[in-house]
């Protein structure tokens, strides 16, 4: 299978926070890879900005060091050509220093993209200065990272600040999960094949499990995380987005607003979550190190490092079908997947065979992207008629071939920004709708004073999460199984 590369137009990309971790670990290596395969044109430019006082050569040396760590397979001659297109301008994001120099360094006849790899509190101020200094042209785009707000009120404030200087079609709210190949293949699986869509409803689907499990803890970002928690950090954006793509109706066209409008309808149809349908946890200390409260420096913390929810989509297609969402830190394995459990066959014709299991479609997002369909077949060999479950498995690495490098989500999303394609980015009303659903859930456990349960590091989470499924006669898929 050959991966086709479609070059983008020449552009100037201004990267705010260019010396930060995300820029060095993901964004700049992603741009290099797009340059290496010929998608980023030779006359494109990347202008790094931050408060640090350095020149072009100093910044290029920093980027070269990052490539050695995060893109070690780089080709030296290609990297040299890439770095020749990298510049640096010191800018005070909330002051006036550096803006005039930045304005003079931009070309008037190419696409301009401003990537804000900085904290959300800086978004409105940077947007205002881009506007006031004449850097924001009608064809400019502005990219903002999560977290997009801490609650509904702050998200509205950020939206108002951005919209005061940019039109909605110029604003790209990035969620890197939407750039994953398998997430986009979920739409292809549903809407480009006649096999699954007729079964994609309450008549045939028993339930859906969406899991984002991490092995890392919160050390190094404890101060931020303890003010956020798994609900704000992961559910409000990543898991809700995966839920939307799983549950949405077919859009009329594969266009940005048509796709995003269907996602908004799903969020608006989410029913309130009862306290009994929530399980929250914190990882406890183990023999090898500290626990959550030690990492955040707050022994009285009520913030969750794990959360599981039973969610219902109140519409015709999904009436009665529960969606179980879970995410957590310091779990057994790093794993992200969407598992669609189809209903069990209503009757078995086979003698001496127990109840038949329903098919399970698993969309694996990480670490090994692919799609698996569990089916039931006859167990090979003589000696009676026995049934066994087997998986029809498609790994993207195998399907694409060993010589095709898996594309990182940021590579696709940054190129979509240059192309002006907002399909995989969140719209303002989409973000606000998600917070409208999330806020009452958080407010409820804060008012009740709910305390997260403790769970062992390297486990699948707290016992409360297992009971959440057990009450319904179901079981979670094994993490790392």
Protein backbone atom coordinates (compact mmCIF):
# COMPACT_ATOMS: atom_id res chain seq x y z
CA UNK A 1 0.00 0.00 0.00
CA UNK A 2 1.40 3.40 -0.98
CA UNK A 3 0.85 6.52 1.10
CA UNK A 4 0.16 9.46 -1.22
CA UNK A 5 1.57 12.85 -0.22
CA UNK A 6 -0.23 16.00 -1.37
CA UNK A 7 1.96 19.11 -0.93
CA UNK A 8 0.51 22.20 0.75
CA UNK A 9 0.94 25.79 -0.34
CA UNK A 10 3.86 27.91 0.93
CA UNK A 11 3.28 29.23 4.44
CA UNK A 12 4.72 31.10 7.40
CA UNK A 13 4.08 29.24 10.65
CA UNK A 14 4.68 31.27 13.81
CA UNK A 15 5.12 28.92 16.76
CA UNK A 16 4.53 30.60 20.13
CA UNK A 17 6.12 28.69 23.00
CA UNK A 18 8.69 27.30 20.57
CA UNK A 19 11.17 26.42 23.32
CA UNK A 20 8.55 24.47 25.31
CA UNK A 21 8.11 20.73 25.68
CA UNK A 22 5.21 20.24 23.26
CA UNK A 23 6.85 22.25 20.49
CA UNK A 24 10.17 20.42 20.82
CA UNK A 25 8.69 16.96 21.35
CA UNK A 26 5.80 16.92 18.87
CA UNK A 27 5.23 19.98 16.69
CA UNK A 28 8.72 20.61 15.30
CA UNK A 29 9.53 16.90 14.73
CA UNK A 30 6.14 16.57 13.02
CA UNK A 31 6.94 19.46 10.70
CA UNK A 32 10.32 17.92 9.91
CA UNK A 33 8.67 14.64 8.89
CA UNK A 34 6.25 16.48 6.61
CA UNK A 35 9.23 18.27 5.05
CA UNK A 36 11.11 15.00 4.65
CA UNK A 37 8.30 13.38 2.61
CA UNK A 38 7.81 16.48 0.46
CA UNK A 39 4.49 17.74 1.84
CA UNK A 40 5.97 20.88 3.35
CA UNK A 41 7.30 23.01 0.45
CA UNK A 42 10.88 24.25 0.27
CA UNK A 43 9.80 27.89 0.60
CA UNK A 44 7.78 27.33 3.78
CA UNK A 45 9.11 28.97 6.94
CA UNK A 46 8.82 28.23 10.63
CA UNK A 47 9.32 31.17 12.98
CA UNK A 48 9.78 30.19 16.59
CA UNK A 49 8.89 32.73 19.27
CA UNK A 50 9.30 32.75 23.05
CA UNK A 51 10.61 35.10 25.74
CA UNK A 52 14.07 33.47 25.65
CA UNK A 53 16.70 35.73 24.14
CA UNK A 54 18.47 33.75 21.40
CA UNK A 55 19.27 34.12 17.72
CA UNK A 56 18.41 31.90 14.73
CA UNK A 57 21.47 29.72 15.16
CA UNK A 58 20.77 29.16 18.85
CA UNK A 59 17.21 28.09 18.13
CA UNK A 60 18.30 25.81 15.28
CA UNK A 61 20.74 24.12 17.64
CA UNK A 62 17.88 23.55 20.09
CA UNK A 63 15.71 22.07 17.33
CA UNK A 64 18.55 19.82 16.15
CA UNK A 65 18.96 18.53 19.71
CA UNK A 66 15.21 17.77 19.89
CA UNK A 67 15.35 15.88 16.60
CA UNK A 68 18.07 13.62 17.96
CA UNK A 69 15.78 12.71 20.85
CA UNK A 70 12.31 12.70 19.30
CA UNK A 71 13.00 12.03 15.60
CA UNK A 72 16.23 10.00 15.70
CA UNK A 73 15.70 8.52 12.22
CA UNK A 74 16.20 11.94 10.59
CA UNK A 75 18.38 12.30 7.50
CA UNK A 76 21.19 14.78 8.10
CA UNK A 77 21.01 16.46 4.68
CA UNK A 78 17.22 16.80 4.93
CA UNK A 79 17.44 18.15 8.47
CA UNK A 80 19.99 20.75 7.35
CA UNK A 81 17.58 21.91 4.63
CA UNK A 82 14.71 21.94 7.13
CA UNK A 83 16.65 23.99 9.67
CA UNK A 84 17.49 26.53 6.97
CA UNK A 85 13.77 27.33 6.97
CA UNK A 86 13.63 27.78 10.75
CA UNK A 87 14.00 31.23 12.30
CA UNK A 88 13.57 32.74 15.75
CA UNK A 89 12.16 36.03 17.03
CA UNK A 90 12.05 36.80 20.77
CA UNK A 91 8.54 38.02 21.66
CA UNK A 92 6.95 39.01 24.95
CA UNK A 93 3.52 37.40 24.59
CA UNK A 94 1.83 39.82 27.01
CA UNK A 95 4.02 42.85 26.41
CA UNK A 96 5.05 44.91 23.40
CA UNK A 97 8.60 43.71 22.83
CA UNK A 98 9.32 41.83 19.63
CA UNK A 99 5.98 42.27 17.84
CA UNK A 100 7.20 44.79 15.28
CA UNK A 101 10.16 42.58 14.39
CA UNK A 102 7.84 39.59 14.05
CA UNK A 103 5.54 41.58 11.77
CA UNK A 104 8.45 42.52 9.49
CA UNK A 105 9.57 38.88 9.22
CA UNK A 106 6.23 37.69 7.78
CA UNK A 107 5.53 37.54 4.05
CA UNK A 108 2.34 39.17 2.76
CA UNK A 109 1.58 36.65 -0.01
CA UNK A 110 1.52 33.29 1.80
CA UNK A 111 -0.71 31.53 4.33
CA UNK A 112 -0.06 32.63 7.91
CA UNK A 113 -0.61 30.24 10.79
CA UNK A 114 -0.11 31.18 14.44
CA UNK A 115 0.30 28.13 16.66
CA UNK A 116 -0.20 28.95 20.36
CA UNK A 117 1.72 26.19 22.17
CA UNK A 118 1.28 28.10 25.43
CA UNK A 119 -1.07 28.13 28.43
CA UNK A 120 -4.74 29.02 27.77
CA UNK A 121 -4.53 32.19 29.85
CA UNK A 122 -2.25 33.64 27.15
CA UNK A 123 -4.65 32.96 24.25
CA UNK A 124 -6.72 36.19 24.35
CA UNK A 125 -3.70 38.45 24.92
CA UNK A 126 -1.72 36.95 22.02
CA UNK A 127 -4.74 37.07 19.74
CA UNK A 128 -5.27 40.74 20.61
CA UNK A 129 -1.65 41.65 19.88
CA UNK A 130 -1.71 39.75 16.59
CA UNK A 131 -4.72 41.86 15.67
CA UNK A 132 -3.39 45.19 16.97
CA UNK A 133 -0.02 44.83 15.23
CA UNK A 134 -1.62 43.91 11.91
CA UNK A 135 -0.30 40.36 11.81
CA UNK A 136 -3.75 38.77 11.57
CA UNK A 137 -4.73 38.90 7.90
CA UNK A 138 -8.06 37.59 6.51
CA UNK A 139 -6.26 34.39 5.43
CA UNK A 140 -4.52 33.83 8.78
CA UNK A 141 -5.23 30.87 11.05
CA UNK A 142 -4.76 30.60 14.81
CA UNK A 143 -4.25 27.24 16.53
CA UNK A 144 -4.89 26.76 20.25
CA UNK A 145 -4.09 23.76 22.43
CA UNK A 146 -6.11 22.17 25.21
CA UNK A 147 -7.13 22.66 27.93
CA UNK A 148 -9.67 25.02 26.40
CA UNK A 149 -11.07 26.40 29.62
CA UNK A 150 -11.55 25.04 33.13
CA UNK A 151 -15.35 25.16 32.97
CA UNK A 152 -18.13 26.58 30.80
CA UNK A 153 -17.60 30.18 31.92
CA UNK A 154 -13.86 30.17 31.19
CA UNK A 155 -14.38 28.41 27.83
CA UNK A 156 -16.86 31.11 26.83
CA UNK A 157 -14.35 33.74 27.89
CA UNK A 158 -11.63 32.19 25.72
CA UNK A 159 -14.00 31.93 22.78
CA UNK A 160 -15.00 35.57 23.14
CA UNK A 161 -11.34 36.65 23.34
CA UNK A 162 -10.42 34.74 20.18
CA UNK A 163 -13.52 35.76 18.23
CA UNK A 164 -12.84 39.43 18.99
CA UNK A 165 -9.77 39.18 16.75
CA UNK A 166 -10.42 36.17 14.47
CA UNK A 167 -13.44 34.75 12.67
CA UNK A 168 -14.62 31.28 13.70
CA UNK A 169 -13.37 29.79 10.41
CA UNK A 170 -9.86 30.99 11.33
CA UNK A 171 -9.78 29.36 14.79
CA UNK A 172 -8.40 25.81 15.10
CA UNK A 173 -8.97 24.23 18.54
CA UNK A 174 -6.72 21.20 18.41
CA UNK A 175 -7.38 17.80 19.96
CA UNK A 176 -4.57 15.49 18.87
CA UNK A 177 -6.75 12.39 19.33
CA UNK A 178 -8.73 13.44 16.25
CA UNK A 179 -5.55 13.32 14.18
CA UNK A 180 -4.92 9.64 14.92
CA UNK A 181 -5.23 7.44 11.85
CA UNK A 182 -7.56 4.97 13.55
CA UNK A 183 -9.94 7.67 14.76
CA UNK A 184 -10.42 8.85 11.21
CA UNK A 185 -10.75 5.25 10.08
CA UNK A 186 -13.71 4.95 12.43
CA UNK A 187 -15.56 7.35 10.12
CA UNK A 188 -14.39 5.43 7.06
CA UNK A 189 -15.43 2.14 8.66
CA UNK A 190 -18.92 3.44 9.33
CA UNK A 191 -19.66 5.60 6.33
CA UNK A 192 -17.64 3.98 3.51
CA UNK A 193 -18.85 0.42 4.13
CA UNK A 194 -22.39 -0.95 3.97
CA UNK A 195 -21.52 -3.75 6.41
CA UNK A 196 -21.58 -1.92 9.76
CA UNK A 197 -23.83 1.13 9.50
CA UNK A 198 -27.12 -0.87 9.34
CA UNK A 199 -26.06 -2.56 12.61
CA UNK A 200 -24.84 0.64 14.29
CA UNK A 201 -27.86 1.22 16.56
CA UNK A 202 -29.70 0.10 19.68
CA UNK A 203 -31.27 -2.87 17.92
CA UNK A 204 -27.91 -4.59 17.41
CA UNK A 205 -25.42 -2.91 19.80
CA UNK A 206 -25.45 -3.98 23.44
CA UNK A 207 -22.99 -1.40 24.77
CA UNK A 208 -19.82 0.54 23.93
CA UNK A 209 -16.60 0.81 25.98
CA UNK A 210 -14.14 3.67 25.44
CA UNK A 211 -10.84 3.34 27.28
CA UNK A 212 -7.83 5.64 27.52
CA UNK A 213 -5.38 4.06 29.98
CA UNK A 214 -1.96 5.47 30.85
CA UNK A 215 0.98 3.98 32.73
CA UNK A 216 2.47 7.36 33.67
CA UNK A 217 1.53 9.30 36.77
CA UNK A 218 1.13 13.05 37.29
CA UNK A 219 4.62 13.74 38.62
CA UNK A 220 6.10 16.82 36.97
CA UNK A 221 2.67 18.36 36.33
CA UNK A 222 1.02 17.83 39.69
CA UNK A 223 0.19 21.49 40.32
CA UNK A 224 -1.80 21.68 37.08
CA UNK A 225 -3.35 18.24 37.35
CA UNK A 226 -4.66 18.66 40.88
CA UNK A 227 -6.70 21.64 39.67
CA UNK A 228 -7.97 19.65 36.71
CA UNK A 229 -8.31 15.91 37.28
CA UNK A 230 -9.16 13.16 34.83
CA UNK A 231 -12.62 14.57 34.10
CA UNK A 232 -11.37 17.93 32.89
CA UNK A 233 -8.05 16.71 31.50
CA UNK A 234 -9.32 13.74 29.47
CA UNK A 235 -13.09 13.17 29.49
CA UNK A 236 -14.27 16.66 28.53
CA UNK A 237 -12.18 16.63 25.36
CA UNK A 238 -10.58 13.34 24.26
CA UNK A 239 -13.19 10.83 25.42
CA UNK A 240 -16.16 13.00 24.49
CA UNK A 241 -14.68 13.40 21.01
CA UNK A 242 -14.31 9.62 20.64
CA UNK A 243 -17.88 9.19 21.88
CA UNK A 244 -19.12 11.71 19.31
CA UNK A 245 -17.43 9.97 16.38
CA UNK A 246 -18.83 6.63 17.53
CA UNK A 247 -22.40 7.83 18.09
CA UNK A 248 -22.87 10.58 15.47
CA UNK A 249 -25.32 10.39 12.60
CA UNK A 250 -23.95 10.30 9.04
CA UNK A 251 -23.24 13.90 7.99
CA UNK A 252 -24.72 15.11 4.72
CA UNK A 253 -21.23 15.74 3.35
CA UNK A 254 -17.68 15.17 4.58
CA UNK A 255 -17.15 18.87 5.20
CA UNK A 256 -15.97 20.62 8.38
CA UNK A 257 -19.26 22.11 9.48
CA UNK A 258 -21.38 19.11 8.48
CA UNK A 259 -19.20 16.72 10.52
CA UNK A 260 -18.92 19.03 13.51
CA UNK A 261 -22.65 19.79 13.55
CA UNK A 262 -23.38 16.07 13.93
CA UNK A 263 -20.89 15.86 16.79
CA UNK A 264 -22.58 18.77 18.57
CA UNK A 265 -25.92 16.96 18.29
CA UNK A 266 -24.44 13.97 20.14
CA UNK A 267 -23.11 16.15 22.98
CA UNK A 268 -26.43 17.94 23.29
CA UNK A 269 -28.16 14.54 23.53
CA UNK A 270 -25.99 13.32 26.43
CA UNK A 271 -28.15 12.68 29.47
CA UNK A 272 -27.20 13.79 33.00
CA UNK A 273 -25.03 11.22 34.78
CA UNK A 274 -26.30 9.85 38.10
CA UNK A 275 -23.86 9.73 41.05
CA UNK A 276 -24.20 5.93 41.08
CA UNK A 277 -22.91 5.84 37.50
CA UNK A 278 -19.58 7.47 38.39
CA UNK A 279 -16.43 5.83 39.78
CA UNK A 280 -13.46 8.00 40.74
CA UNK A 281 -10.07 6.97 42.04
CA UNK A 282 -6.54 8.01 43.02
CA UNK A 283 -3.51 5.74 42.67
CA UNK A 284 -1.96 4.94 46.03
CA UNK A 285 1.72 4.76 46.92
CA UNK A 286 3.46 1.46 46.28
CA UNK A 287 6.76 -0.11 47.27
CA UNK A 288 8.51 1.53 44.35
CA UNK A 289 7.50 5.11 44.96
CA UNK A 290 4.98 7.78 45.85
CA UNK A 291 1.26 7.94 45.21
CA UNK A 292 -0.97 10.59 43.66
CA UNK A 293 -1.19 12.81 46.75
CA UNK A 294 2.61 12.81 47.00
CA UNK A 295 3.02 13.77 43.33
CA UNK A 296 0.63 16.71 43.64
CA UNK A 297 1.89 17.71 47.10
CA UNK A 298 -1.59 17.72 48.61
CA UNK A 299 -2.41 14.96 51.13
CA UNK A 300 -6.05 16.12 51.32
CA UNK A 301 -6.62 16.17 47.55
CA UNK A 302 -10.08 15.11 46.33
CA UNK A 303 -9.01 15.22 42.67
CA UNK A 304 -9.33 12.02 40.65
CA UNK A 305 -6.52 10.39 38.67
CA UNK A 306 -9.06 7.82 37.39
CA UNK A 307 -12.68 8.11 36.35
CA UNK A 308 -15.26 5.76 34.88
CA UNK A 309 -18.69 6.86 33.74
CA UNK A 310 -21.83 5.21 32.45
CA UNK A 311 -23.19 7.58 29.81
CA UNK A 312 -26.40 7.51 27.79
CA UNK A 313 -27.11 9.25 24.49
CA UNK A 314 -30.75 10.25 24.54
CA UNK A 315 -31.78 9.86 20.93
CA UNK A 316 -33.56 7.35 18.70
CA UNK A 317 -30.44 5.53 17.50
CA UNK A 318 -28.90 4.88 20.92
CA UNK A 319 -31.88 4.66 23.28
CA UNK A 320 -31.05 2.16 26.03
CA UNK A 321 -27.42 1.60 24.95
CA UNK A 322 -24.90 2.54 27.66
CA UNK A 323 -21.52 4.02 26.75
CA UNK A 324 -18.92 3.21 29.39
CA UNK A 325 -16.01 5.67 29.49
CA UNK A 326 -12.86 5.21 31.58
CA UNK A 327 -9.47 6.85 31.79
CA UNK A 328 -6.74 6.86 34.40
CA UNK A 329 -3.11 7.24 35.36
CA UNK A 330 -0.68 4.55 36.53
CA UNK A 331 -2.76 1.71 35.11
CA UNK A 332 -1.61 -1.71 33.91
CA UNK A 333 -0.81 -0.69 30.34
CA UNK A 334 -0.84 2.25 27.96
CA UNK A 335 -3.87 1.62 25.81
CA UNK A 336 -6.60 3.55 24.00
CA UNK A 337 -9.48 1.84 22.26
CA UNK A 338 -13.15 1.94 21.32
CA UNK A 339 -14.94 -1.41 21.71
CA UNK A 340 -18.42 -1.87 20.24
CA UNK A 341 -20.16 -4.91 21.77
CA UNK A 342 -22.91 -6.31 19.57
CA UNK A 343 -25.80 -8.21 21.11
CA UNK A 344 -25.55 -11.95 21.71
CA UNK A 345 -27.26 -14.21 19.16
CA UNK A 346 -30.84 -14.74 20.40
CA UNK A 347 -30.81 -18.51 19.92
CA UNK A 348 -28.28 -21.30 19.44
CA UNK A 349 -28.89 -24.27 17.17
CA UNK A 350 -25.78 -26.11 18.29
CA UNK A 351 -26.16 -28.95 20.83
CA UNK A 352 -23.97 -29.05 23.93
CA UNK A 353 -22.85 -25.47 23.33
CA UNK A 354 -23.37 -22.77 25.94
CA UNK A 355 -24.62 -19.24 25.27
CA UNK A 356 -23.05 -17.66 22.22
CA UNK A 357 -21.02 -14.46 22.56
CA UNK A 358 -21.84 -11.37 20.55
CA UNK A 359 -19.32 -9.96 18.12
CA UNK A 360 -16.99 -7.22 19.37
CA UNK A 361 -15.50 -4.58 17.08
CA UNK A 362 -12.38 -3.01 18.63
CA UNK A 363 -10.81 0.14 17.19
CA UNK A 364 -7.31 0.39 18.68
CA UNK A 365 -5.90 3.92 18.86
CA UNK A 366 -2.64 3.17 20.66
CA UNK A 367 -0.12 1.74 21.02
CA UNK A 368 -0.63 -0.50 17.95
CA UNK A 369 -3.23 1.15 15.75
CA UNK A 370 -5.64 -1.22 14.06
CA UNK A 371 -9.09 -2.79 13.99
CA UNK A 372 -10.16 -6.17 15.40
CA UNK A 373 -13.47 -8.00 14.99
CA UNK A 374 -14.19 -10.88 17.36
CA UNK A 375 -16.11 -13.67 15.65
CA UNK A 376 -17.21 -17.18 16.60
CA UNK A 377 -16.08 -20.14 14.50
CA UNK A 378 -15.95 -23.92 14.76
CA UNK A 379 -12.94 -25.13 16.69
CA UNK A 380 -10.82 -27.00 14.10
CA UNK A 381 -10.39 -30.77 14.38
CA UNK A 382 -12.47 -33.87 14.94
CA UNK A 383 -14.19 -34.97 18.10
CA UNK A 384 -17.48 -33.11 18.07
CA UNK A 385 -18.79 -29.67 17.22
CA UNK A 386 -17.07 -27.09 19.39
CA UNK A 387 -17.08 -23.31 19.02
CA UNK A 388 -14.32 -20.85 19.75
CA UNK A 389 -13.83 -17.08 19.51
CA UNK A 390 -11.19 -15.74 17.13
CA UNK A 391 -10.21 -12.23 16.04
CA UNK A 392 -10.11 -10.89 12.52
CA UNK A 393 -7.20 -8.53 13.06
CA UNK A 394 -5.91 -5.69 10.90
CA UNK A 395 -2.81 -3.93 12.13
CA UNK A 396 -2.05 -0.69 10.31
CA UNK A 397 1.66 -1.42 10.53
CA UNK A 398 1.16 -4.70 8.68
CA UNK A 399 -1.43 -3.35 6.24
CA UNK A 400 0.68 -0.35 5.22
CA UNK A 401 3.94 -2.26 5.13
CA UNK A 402 7.07 -2.03 7.23
CA UNK A 403 8.54 0.70 5.03
CA UNK A 404 5.68 3.15 5.74
CA UNK A 405 6.24 5.18 8.91
CA UNK A 406 3.17 5.74 11.05
CA UNK A 407 2.21 9.39 10.86
CA UNK A 408 1.94 11.25 14.15
CA UNK A 409 -1.36 13.03 14.79
CA UNK A 410 0.30 16.46 14.94
CA UNK A 411 1.74 16.01 11.46
CA UNK A 412 -1.70 15.61 9.95
CA UNK A 413 -3.34 18.33 12.01
CA UNK A 414 -0.74 21.03 11.31
CA UNK A 415 -0.97 20.32 7.58
CA UNK A 416 -4.77 20.53 7.84
CA UNK A 417 -4.34 23.99 9.36
CA UNK A 418 -2.29 25.10 6.36
CA UNK A 419 -4.88 23.60 4.00
CA UNK A 420 -7.67 25.41 5.84
CA UNK A 421 -9.50 22.16 6.69
CA UNK A 422 -11.26 22.36 10.09
CA UNK A 423 -12.90 18.91 9.96
CA UNK A 424 -10.69 17.46 12.71
CA UNK A 425 -10.80 20.55 14.94
CA UNK A 426 -13.38 21.51 17.53
CA UNK A 427 -15.84 24.30 16.86
CA UNK A 428 -16.58 26.86 19.55
CA UNK A 429 -20.13 25.67 20.24
CA UNK A 430 -18.84 22.09 20.42
CA UNK A 431 -16.45 22.99 23.24
CA UNK A 432 -19.13 24.89 25.12
CA UNK A 433 -21.64 22.04 24.72
CA UNK A 434 -19.12 19.61 26.23
CA UNK A 435 -18.56 21.87 29.25
CA UNK A 436 -22.33 22.32 29.64
CA UNK A 437 -22.59 18.54 30.13
CA UNK A 438 -19.44 18.16 32.26
CA UNK A 439 -19.91 21.05 34.70
CA UNK A 440 -22.96 19.62 36.57
CA UNK A 441 -21.17 16.28 37.01
CA UNK A 442 -18.17 17.95 38.65
CA UNK A 443 -20.36 20.30 40.68
CA UNK A 444 -22.33 17.31 41.98
CA UNK A 445 -19.38 15.43 43.47
CA UNK A 446 -17.87 18.65 44.82
CA UNK A 447 -21.11 19.50 46.65
CA UNK A 448 -21.41 15.95 47.99
CA UNK A 449 -17.76 15.94 49.06
CA UNK A 450 -17.17 12.62 47.30
CA UNK A 451 -13.73 11.20 47.99
CA UNK A 452 -11.98 9.18 45.27
CA UNK A 453 -11.29 5.52 46.02
CA UNK A 454 -7.67 4.36 46.16
CA UNK A 455 -6.34 1.88 43.63
CA UNK A 456 -3.05 0.06 43.17
CA UNK A 457 -0.54 1.27 40.62
CA UNK A 458 -0.33 -1.16 37.73
CA UNK A 459 -3.94 -2.28 38.20
CA UNK A 460 -7.07 -1.69 36.10
CA UNK A 461 -8.42 0.96 38.48
CA UNK A 462 -10.59 1.02 41.63
CA UNK A 463 -13.10 -1.67 42.60
CA UNK A 464 -15.90 0.91 42.21
CA UNK A 465 -15.31 0.89 38.44
CA UNK A 466 -15.63 -2.89 38.30
CA UNK A 467 -18.90 -2.70 40.24
CA UNK A 468 -20.18 -0.06 37.82
CA UNK A 469 -20.13 -2.72 35.11
CA UNK A 470 -20.95 -5.70 37.35
CA UNK A 471 -24.29 -4.19 38.35
CA UNK A 472 -25.27 -4.26 34.69
CA UNK A 473 -24.08 -7.85 34.19
CA UNK A 474 -21.13 -6.72 32.07
CA UNK A 475 -17.35 -6.66 32.40
CA UNK A 476 -14.67 -4.26 31.28
CA UNK A 477 -12.27 -5.43 28.60
CA UNK A 478 -8.96 -6.27 30.18
CA UNK A 479 -6.40 -3.48 29.95
CA UNK A 480 -3.25 -4.75 28.30
CA UNK A 481 -4.87 -8.12 27.57
